[in-house]
Each structure stands twice: as structure tokens, then as C-alpha cells.
Amino acid sequence: MNKRLYEIGQRIQRIFTHEYVIHGLYAFLITAVAGVLLPLWAAALLTVVISIGKEILDHIAYEGWSWPDLAGDAVGLLLALGVLLLIRMS
């Protein structure tokens, strides 16, 4: 039983060490917090600007785009917008 729990913990740890998951969580948090304070379109625009700005800095520093990071940002943005829309509709 303990070995099985250890293996599950290792899988979860591997998932959250992927950068695109962390980028998705950051995008979700930025969109969710901004969506509470601003209109939804402004929150989405703010998240997109931050995401693209971060990737431009990464492109300059590491000489390359990180498409998985942008995909993670997009997933986080869409999930947050979905949650905010559900909250506002209820």
C-alpha cells in the first residue's frame, strides 16, 4: 500500500515539474484574479499580454520560443474564463 502511494506521489510530482503545467496555473490565477476586478475581456487581454511578453523575454534570453509554455498559458486562460463565466451566469 505504501509503495503504491509513493508511486502516485511520484507521478503527481512529475506532472507538476513540467513547465507548461506551471504556466497554465499562473495564467489561470492571473485571469481569475483580474476577472474578479476587471471585465472578462480585459482580464483575458491582460493574461495574453503577460504571456506573450514573458515568451518574448524567453526568446531573447534562450533564443527560442516555448510553444508548450504558450499552450499551457492558453489552457489556463480558457479554464479561468470558463470558471468566471459560470460564476457570473449563476
Protein backbone atom coordinates (compact mmCIF):
# COMPACT_ATOMS: atom_id res chain seq x y z
CA MET A 1 0.00 0.00 0.00
CA ASN A 2 2.76 2.45 0.91
CA LYS A 3 4.63 1.64 -2.30
CA ARG A 4 1.50 2.38 -4.34
CA LEU A 5 1.00 5.73 -2.58
CA TYR A 6 4.66 6.55 -3.18
CA GLU A 7 4.28 5.81 -6.91
CA ILE A 8 1.17 8.00 -7.11
CA GLY A 9 3.05 10.81 -5.35
CA GLN A 10 5.93 10.48 -7.80
CA ARG A 11 3.56 10.71 -10.77
CA ILE A 12 1.93 13.84 -9.37
CA GLN A 13 5.34 15.38 -8.74
CA ARG A 14 6.43 14.64 -12.33
CA ILE A 15 3.28 16.26 -13.69
CA PHE A 16 3.83 19.48 -11.76
CA THR A 17 7.51 19.72 -12.69
CA HIS A 18 6.56 20.26 -16.34
CA GLU A 19 6.79 23.97 -17.03
CA TYR A 20 3.66 24.12 -19.15
CA VAL A 21 1.54 22.99 -16.19
CA ILE A 22 3.02 25.73 -14.03
CA HIS A 23 2.46 28.28 -16.82
CA GLY A 24 -1.15 27.14 -17.09
CA LEU A 25 -1.64 27.59 -13.34
CA TYR A 26 -0.13 31.08 -13.46
CA ALA A 27 -2.34 32.05 -16.40
CA PHE A 28 -5.37 30.66 -14.57
CA LEU A 29 -4.56 32.67 -11.43
CA ILE A 30 -3.86 35.89 -13.33
CA THR A 31 -7.08 35.58 -15.31
CA ALA A 32 -9.17 34.62 -12.29
CA VAL A 33 -7.93 37.48 -10.10
CA ALA A 34 -8.11 40.03 -12.91
CA GLY A 35 -11.54 38.70 -13.93
CA VAL A 36 -12.91 39.47 -10.50
CA LEU A 37 -11.62 43.04 -10.64
CA LEU A 38 -11.96 43.80 -14.37
CA PRO A 39 -14.31 42.90 -17.22
CA LEU A 40 -13.65 39.47 -18.73
CA TRP A 41 -12.22 40.84 -21.97
CA ALA A 42 -9.74 42.99 -20.03
CA ALA A 43 -8.67 40.04 -17.87
CA ALA A 44 -8.15 37.90 -20.97
CA LEU A 45 -6.20 40.65 -22.71
CA LEU A 46 -4.02 41.18 -19.64
CA THR A 47 -3.21 37.47 -19.49
CA VAL A 48 -2.38 37.33 -23.20
CA VAL A 49 -0.10 40.38 -22.94
CA ILE A 50 1.72 38.93 -19.92
CA SER A 51 2.07 35.53 -21.61
CA ILE A 52 3.43 36.91 -24.87
CA GLY A 53 5.70 39.35 -23.04
CA LYS A 54 7.14 36.51 -21.00
CA GLU A 55 7.76 34.46 -24.12
CA ILE A 56 9.47 37.40 -25.82
CA LEU A 57 11.83 37.66 -22.85
CA ASP A 58 12.42 33.90 -23.03
CA HIS A 59 13.08 34.20 -26.77
CA ILE A 60 15.72 36.86 -26.12
CA ALA A 61 17.32 35.01 -23.20
CA TYR A 62 17.21 31.45 -24.55
CA GLU A 63 16.98 32.11 -28.31
CA GLY A 64 13.78 30.21 -28.91
CA TRP A 65 10.04 30.14 -28.38
CA SER A 66 8.47 27.70 -25.98
CA TRP A 67 5.29 26.55 -27.67
CA PRO A 68 4.32 24.19 -24.81
CA ASP A 69 4.50 27.13 -22.40
CA LEU A 70 2.20 29.18 -24.64
CA ALA A 71 -0.16 26.22 -24.91
CA GLY A 72 -0.19 25.91 -21.12
CA ASP A 73 -0.96 29.61 -20.84
CA ALA A 74 -3.81 29.26 -23.33
CA VAL A 75 -5.32 26.31 -21.45
CA GLY A 76 -5.10 28.19 -18.14
CA LEU A 77 -6.69 31.26 -19.71
CA LEU A 78 -9.58 29.27 -21.19
CA LEU A 79 -10.22 27.37 -17.96
CA ALA A 80 -10.27 30.59 -15.94
CA LEU A 81 -12.63 32.27 -18.41
CA GLY A 82 -14.91 29.24 -18.23
CA VAL A 83 -14.98 29.35 -14.44
CA LEU A 84 -15.60 33.10 -14.41
CA LEU A 85 -18.43 32.76 -16.93
CA LEU A 86 -20.05 30.03 -14.86
CA ILE A 87 -19.80 32.19 -11.74
CA ARG A 88 -21.26 35.25 -13.47
CA MET A 89 -24.11 33.25 -15.03
CA SER A 90 -25.27 31.83 -11.71
